[in-house]
Amino acid sequence: MTVSEAQAYCTAYTKKSGSNFYYSFLFLPKAKRDAMYTVYAFCKAVDSAVDEPTVGSNPKDELKHWREELEAVYSGTPTTPIMVSLACHVKALGIPKAYFEELIKGVEMDLFNNRYVTFDELSLYCYRVASVVGLICLHIFGVTSARAQDYAVALGMAFQLTNILRDVGTDAAESRIYLPLDDLRKWNHSEKAIFNRSYSPEFRALMEYEASRAHHYYKRADAALMGLSPQERRALTVAEIMRGVYSRILERIEQSNYQVFGPRISLTTIQRMIIALRVWLRSRFS
């Protein structure tokens, strides 16, 4: 497979996903957009190996295969379309292999953990499956300073905590609880109540507390962003578009009074595009 064919595969794969991230990618120059499509395709494919395994597949074997392909990206010849394309981009952008290794470790945690006792335990998971993706993206955006890394880590935490809040009901249906068990006890809400989709004052208090954590990380990301130069901030416009979308989802969760056991809270395509355009215009003319 040629690199151009591999890139076309990644682009189509990403477009088909319907991800919240897709609309932000449209504001990038083509070379950076292609890199983002490829990185997203890798993240989605690895995650799907565990969360949406094909019939007859073994998630452990699938992750082993992805690790082997990652080795080939950096020191051999990869064979799958995603990794052929990834090899081209990591060479051009100097993306550290350790980031991709951490991501695979994070996805692998879902094979062994369906509960997290403390927030510290959950933080490691969030870092691996979300913050590391932000660190990878910094290389695409061309901003890799220490403060930019602080921004990426905090924003990844905020995104993942927003996802966890939105997907409490969906995760419970898969026998998973990502809300720290220490917090459930603190707010007198049991695991059984989660699985029973019990909506109570205790549940609302628990969710409000978790939402405050997400807001804390959005504020940390903002503080780090303000410490960057105007040029660096403009380079992070796509990340800010993502933040606009996910911040709005968090607001919708709060405005619903944490009704997360019904239809999944989301934004329409038009709403996401409006957010993207507003953020892009602000970055260009502020």
Protein backbone atom coordinates (compact mmCIF):
# COMPACT_ATOMS: atom_id res chain seq x y z
CA MET A 1 0.00 0.00 0.00
CA THR A 2 1.28 3.45 -0.89
CA VAL A 3 1.39 6.25 1.68
CA SER A 4 -1.28 8.18 -0.24
CA GLU A 5 -3.59 5.13 -0.22
CA ALA A 6 -2.96 4.67 3.51
CA GLN A 7 -3.76 8.34 4.11
CA ALA A 8 -6.98 8.06 2.12
CA TYR A 9 -7.99 5.11 4.29
CA CYS A 10 -7.37 7.10 7.49
CA THR A 11 -9.26 10.10 6.18
CA ALA A 12 -12.31 8.01 5.26
CA TYR A 13 -12.14 6.14 8.57
CA THR A 14 -12.14 9.39 10.54
CA LYS A 15 -14.94 10.99 8.53
CA LYS A 16 -17.09 7.90 9.03
CA SER A 17 -16.64 8.03 12.81
CA GLY A 18 -18.74 11.18 13.29
CA SER A 19 -16.43 12.28 16.09
CA ASN A 20 -16.80 15.65 17.82
CA PHE A 21 -13.18 16.21 16.86
CA TYR A 22 -13.72 15.87 13.11
CA TYR A 23 -15.15 19.35 12.59
CA SER A 24 -12.19 21.01 14.27
CA PHE A 25 -9.79 19.25 11.92
CA LEU A 26 -11.31 21.10 8.96
CA PHE A 27 -9.65 24.32 10.14
CA LEU A 28 -6.14 22.89 9.74
CA PRO A 29 -3.86 23.13 6.68
CA LYS A 30 -3.98 19.92 4.66
CA ALA A 31 -0.70 18.42 5.90
CA LYS A 32 -1.66 18.90 9.55
CA ARG A 33 -5.21 17.78 8.85
CA ASP A 34 -3.92 14.55 7.30
CA ALA A 35 -1.78 13.92 10.39
CA MET A 36 -4.78 14.48 12.65
CA TYR A 37 -6.92 12.11 10.61
CA THR A 38 -4.24 9.45 10.95
CA VAL A 39 -3.70 9.93 14.68
CA TYR A 40 -7.46 9.86 15.26
CA ALA A 41 -7.77 6.67 13.18
CA PHE A 42 -5.07 5.02 15.30
CA CYS A 43 -6.72 6.06 18.57
CA LYS A 44 -10.17 4.96 17.41
CA ALA A 45 -8.98 1.62 16.03
CA VAL A 46 -7.06 0.72 19.21
CA ASP A 47 -10.01 1.74 21.38
CA SER A 48 -12.44 -0.26 19.24
CA ALA A 49 -10.28 -3.37 19.63
CA VAL A 50 -11.40 -3.40 23.28
CA ASP A 51 -14.72 -1.53 23.32
CA GLU A 52 -16.18 -2.80 20.04
CA PRO A 53 -14.34 -6.06 19.26
CA THR A 54 -15.28 -7.83 16.07
CA VAL A 55 -16.97 -11.19 16.40
CA GLY A 56 -14.43 -13.90 17.18
CA SER A 57 -11.60 -11.50 17.98
CA ASN A 58 -9.60 -11.49 21.21
CA PRO A 59 -8.94 -7.94 22.50
CA LYS A 60 -5.67 -8.99 24.14
CA ASP A 61 -4.42 -10.39 20.85
CA GLU A 62 -5.59 -7.29 19.02
CA LEU A 63 -3.61 -5.02 21.36
CA LYS A 64 -0.58 -7.26 20.93
CA HIS A 65 -0.93 -6.78 17.19
CA TRP A 66 -1.13 -2.99 17.56
CA ARG A 67 2.00 -3.02 19.71
CA GLU A 68 3.82 -5.03 17.05
CA GLU A 69 2.69 -2.61 14.36
CA LEU A 70 3.84 0.31 16.52
CA GLU A 71 7.28 -1.25 16.76
CA ALA A 72 7.28 -1.52 12.98
CA VAL A 73 6.34 2.16 12.65
CA TYR A 74 9.53 3.17 14.47
CA SER A 75 11.93 0.42 13.49
CA GLY A 76 10.52 -1.67 10.69
CA THR A 77 7.86 -1.83 8.01
CA PRO A 78 4.23 -1.54 9.17
CA THR A 79 1.62 -3.50 7.24
CA THR A 80 -1.78 -1.97 8.10
CA PRO A 81 -3.09 1.19 6.38
CA ILE A 82 -3.30 3.21 9.59
CA MET A 83 0.24 2.38 10.61
CA VAL A 84 1.70 2.93 7.12
CA SER A 85 0.26 6.43 7.28
CA LEU A 86 1.30 6.92 10.91
CA ALA A 87 4.90 6.01 10.11
CA CYS A 88 5.04 8.84 7.59
CA HIS A 89 3.70 11.41 10.06
CA VAL A 90 5.75 10.41 13.12
CA LYS A 91 8.89 10.63 11.02
CA ALA A 92 8.02 14.10 9.76
CA LEU A 93 6.79 15.43 13.12
CA GLY A 94 9.06 13.65 15.59
CA ILE A 95 6.22 12.26 17.72
CA PRO A 96 7.66 10.15 20.58
CA LYS A 97 6.83 6.46 20.52
CA ALA A 98 6.20 6.53 24.30
CA TYR A 99 2.99 8.51 23.79
CA PHE A 100 1.46 5.79 21.62
CA GLU A 101 2.64 3.13 24.06
CA GLU A 102 0.90 4.95 26.90
CA LEU A 103 -2.30 5.18 24.89
CA ILE A 104 -2.34 1.43 24.31
CA LYS A 105 -1.75 0.89 28.05
CA GLY A 106 -4.72 3.12 28.80
CA VAL A 107 -7.04 1.24 26.47
CA GLU A 108 -5.73 -2.02 27.96
CA MET A 109 -6.83 -0.88 31.42
CA ASP A 110 -10.44 -1.43 30.31
CA LEU A 111 -9.69 -5.15 30.01
CA PHE A 112 -8.83 -5.41 33.69
CA ASN A 113 -10.57 -2.51 35.46
CA ASN A 114 -14.26 -1.69 35.47
CA ARG A 115 -14.05 0.32 38.70
CA TYR A 116 -11.71 2.98 40.09
CA VAL A 117 -11.55 3.38 43.85
CA THR A 118 -9.84 6.76 44.01
CA PHE A 119 -9.56 9.77 41.74
CA ASP A 120 -5.79 9.24 41.59
CA GLU A 121 -6.41 5.83 39.99
CA LEU A 122 -8.88 7.34 37.54
CA SER A 123 -6.43 10.16 36.74
CA LEU A 124 -3.88 7.68 35.38
CA TYR A 125 -6.53 6.23 33.10
CA CYS A 126 -7.61 9.69 31.91
CA TYR A 127 -4.00 10.70 31.30
CA ARG A 128 -3.31 7.64 29.18
CA VAL A 129 -6.45 7.67 27.03
CA ALA A 130 -6.91 11.44 26.68
CA SER A 131 -4.04 13.65 27.86
CA VAL A 132 -1.51 11.63 25.89
CA VAL A 133 -3.55 12.24 22.75
CA GLY A 134 -3.22 15.96 23.43
CA LEU A 135 0.53 15.60 23.79
CA ILE A 136 0.66 13.82 20.44
CA CYS A 137 -1.39 16.61 18.84
CA LEU A 138 1.02 19.27 20.09
CA HIS A 139 3.60 17.88 17.66
CA ILE A 140 1.10 18.30 14.83
CA PHE A 141 0.28 21.85 15.91
CA GLY A 142 3.98 22.67 16.25
CA VAL A 143 3.79 23.83 19.88
CA THR A 144 5.62 21.59 22.35
CA SER A 145 6.81 23.85 25.17
CA ALA A 146 6.41 22.79 28.80
CA ARG A 147 3.48 25.18 29.28
CA ALA A 148 1.81 23.84 26.14
CA GLN A 149 2.21 20.34 27.56
CA ASP A 150 0.53 21.48 30.78
CA TYR A 151 -2.32 22.78 28.62
CA ALA A 152 -2.65 19.50 26.72
CA VAL A 153 -2.62 17.36 29.86
CA ALA A 154 -5.23 19.49 31.63
CA LEU A 155 -7.47 19.68 28.59
CA GLY A 156 -7.29 15.92 28.07
CA MET A 157 -8.33 15.38 31.68
CA ALA A 158 -11.26 17.77 31.23
CA PHE A 159 -12.40 16.04 28.03
CA GLN A 160 -12.27 12.58 29.57
CA LEU A 161 -14.09 13.65 32.72
CA THR A 162 -16.78 15.21 30.53
CA ASN A 163 -17.09 11.93 28.63
CA ILE A 164 -17.36 10.00 31.89
CA LEU A 165 -20.17 12.24 33.13
CA ARG A 166 -22.06 12.00 29.85
CA ASP A 167 -21.69 8.22 29.60
CA VAL A 168 -22.58 7.10 33.15
CA GLY A 169 -25.65 5.27 31.86
CA THR A 170 -23.92 3.77 28.82
CA ASP A 171 -20.99 2.57 30.91
CA ALA A 172 -23.30 1.08 33.55
CA ALA A 173 -24.95 -0.99 30.82
CA GLU A 174 -21.48 -2.46 30.20
CA SER A 175 -20.98 -3.11 33.95
CA ARG A 176 -18.49 -0.23 34.17
CA ILE A 177 -18.37 2.62 36.67
CA TYR A 178 -15.75 5.28 36.07
CA LEU A 179 -16.91 7.61 38.85
CA PRO A 180 -14.47 6.99 41.73
CA LEU A 181 -15.97 4.65 44.32
CA ASP A 182 -14.64 6.89 47.09
CA ASP A 183 -16.86 9.64 45.70
CA LEU A 184 -19.89 7.35 45.58
CA ARG A 185 -19.40 6.62 49.26
CA LYS A 186 -18.84 10.29 50.03
CA TRP A 187 -22.20 11.20 48.51
CA ASN A 188 -24.00 8.08 49.79
CA HIS A 189 -24.73 6.67 46.33
CA SER A 190 -24.16 2.95 45.81
CA GLU A 191 -22.91 0.98 42.82
CA LYS A 192 -26.29 -0.75 42.76
CA ALA A 193 -28.02 2.60 42.44
CA ILE A 194 -25.87 3.37 39.39
CA PHE A 195 -26.77 0.06 37.76
CA ASN A 196 -30.44 0.61 38.62
CA ARG A 197 -30.19 4.01 36.93
CA SER A 198 -31.41 5.60 40.12
CA TYR A 199 -31.88 9.35 39.89
CA SER A 200 -31.84 10.92 43.35
CA PRO A 201 -30.65 14.01 45.25
CA GLU A 202 -27.55 12.01 46.22
CA PHE A 203 -26.86 11.23 42.56
CA ARG A 204 -27.24 14.88 41.56
CA ALA A 205 -24.86 15.92 44.35
CA LEU A 206 -22.33 13.31 43.20
CA MET A 207 -22.55 14.46 39.59
CA GLU A 208 -22.27 18.11 40.54
CA TYR A 209 -19.09 17.30 42.44
CA GLU A 210 -17.64 15.42 39.46
CA ALA A 211 -18.61 18.25 37.11
CA SER A 212 -16.71 20.68 39.34
CA ARG A 213 -13.62 18.53 38.78
CA ALA A 214 -14.02 18.82 35.03
CA HIS A 215 -14.40 22.59 35.34
CA HIS A 216 -11.22 22.67 37.42
CA TYR A 217 -9.25 21.09 34.57
CA TYR A 218 -10.80 23.38 31.95
CA LYS A 219 -9.63 26.32 34.10
CA ARG A 220 -6.15 24.82 34.43
CA ALA A 221 -5.97 24.47 30.66
CA ASP A 222 -7.08 28.09 30.25
CA ALA A 223 -4.44 29.30 32.69
CA ALA A 224 -1.72 27.44 30.80
CA LEU A 225 -3.01 28.78 27.48
CA MET A 226 -2.85 32.37 28.71
CA GLY A 227 0.82 31.83 29.53
CA LEU A 228 1.64 31.10 25.90
CA SER A 229 2.59 33.60 23.23
CA PRO A 230 -0.10 34.85 20.81
CA GLN A 231 1.52 32.80 18.05
CA GLU A 232 1.39 29.63 20.14
CA ARG A 233 -2.22 30.28 21.09
CA ARG A 234 -3.18 30.66 17.44
CA ALA A 235 -1.44 27.36 16.68
CA LEU A 236 -3.73 25.72 19.26
CA THR A 237 -6.95 26.97 17.66
CA VAL A 238 -8.09 23.44 16.81
CA ALA A 239 -7.63 22.34 20.43
CA GLU A 240 -9.66 25.38 21.49
CA ILE A 241 -12.43 24.37 19.09
CA MET A 242 -12.46 20.96 20.76
CA ARG A 243 -12.62 22.69 24.12
CA GLY A 244 -15.57 24.76 22.94
CA VAL A 245 -17.47 21.64 21.93
CA TYR A 246 -16.74 19.66 25.08
CA SER A 247 -17.36 22.61 27.38
CA ARG A 248 -20.77 23.00 25.77
CA ILE A 249 -21.50 19.30 26.31
CA LEU A 250 -20.63 19.72 29.99
CA GLU A 251 -22.97 22.71 30.18
CA ARG A 252 -25.74 20.64 28.58
CA ILE A 253 -25.21 17.90 31.18
CA GLU A 254 -25.51 20.46 33.96
CA GLN A 255 -28.53 22.16 32.40
CA SER A 256 -30.30 18.79 32.17
CA ASN A 257 -29.80 18.42 35.94
CA TYR A 258 -27.57 15.41 35.19
CA GLN A 259 -30.15 13.37 33.30
CA VAL A 260 -27.56 10.98 31.89
CA PHE A 261 -29.58 7.78 31.96
CA GLY A 262 -31.65 8.73 28.94
CA PRO A 263 -30.67 9.69 25.40
CA ARG A 264 -26.98 10.56 25.05
CA ILE A 265 -26.35 14.27 25.47
CA SER A 266 -24.71 15.60 22.34
CA LEU A 267 -24.51 18.54 19.94
CA THR A 268 -25.85 18.67 16.42
CA THR A 269 -23.53 19.08 13.46
CA ILE A 270 -24.71 22.69 13.03
CA GLN A 271 -24.03 23.46 16.71
CA ARG A 272 -20.53 22.03 16.47
CA MET A 273 -19.79 23.95 13.29
CA ILE A 274 -21.01 27.22 14.84
CA ILE A 275 -18.73 26.69 17.85
CA ALA A 276 -15.83 25.88 15.54
CA LEU A 277 -16.36 28.98 13.42
CA ARG A 278 -16.68 31.27 16.45
CA VAL A 279 -13.48 29.98 18.00
CA TRP A 280 -11.61 30.21 14.70
CA LEU A 281 -12.77 33.79 14.10
CA ARG A 282 -11.84 34.80 17.64
CA SER A 283 -8.36 33.31 17.24
CA ARG A 284 -7.79 35.18 14.00
CA PHE A 285 -9.13 38.61 14.91
CA SER A 286 -8.71 38.96 18.67
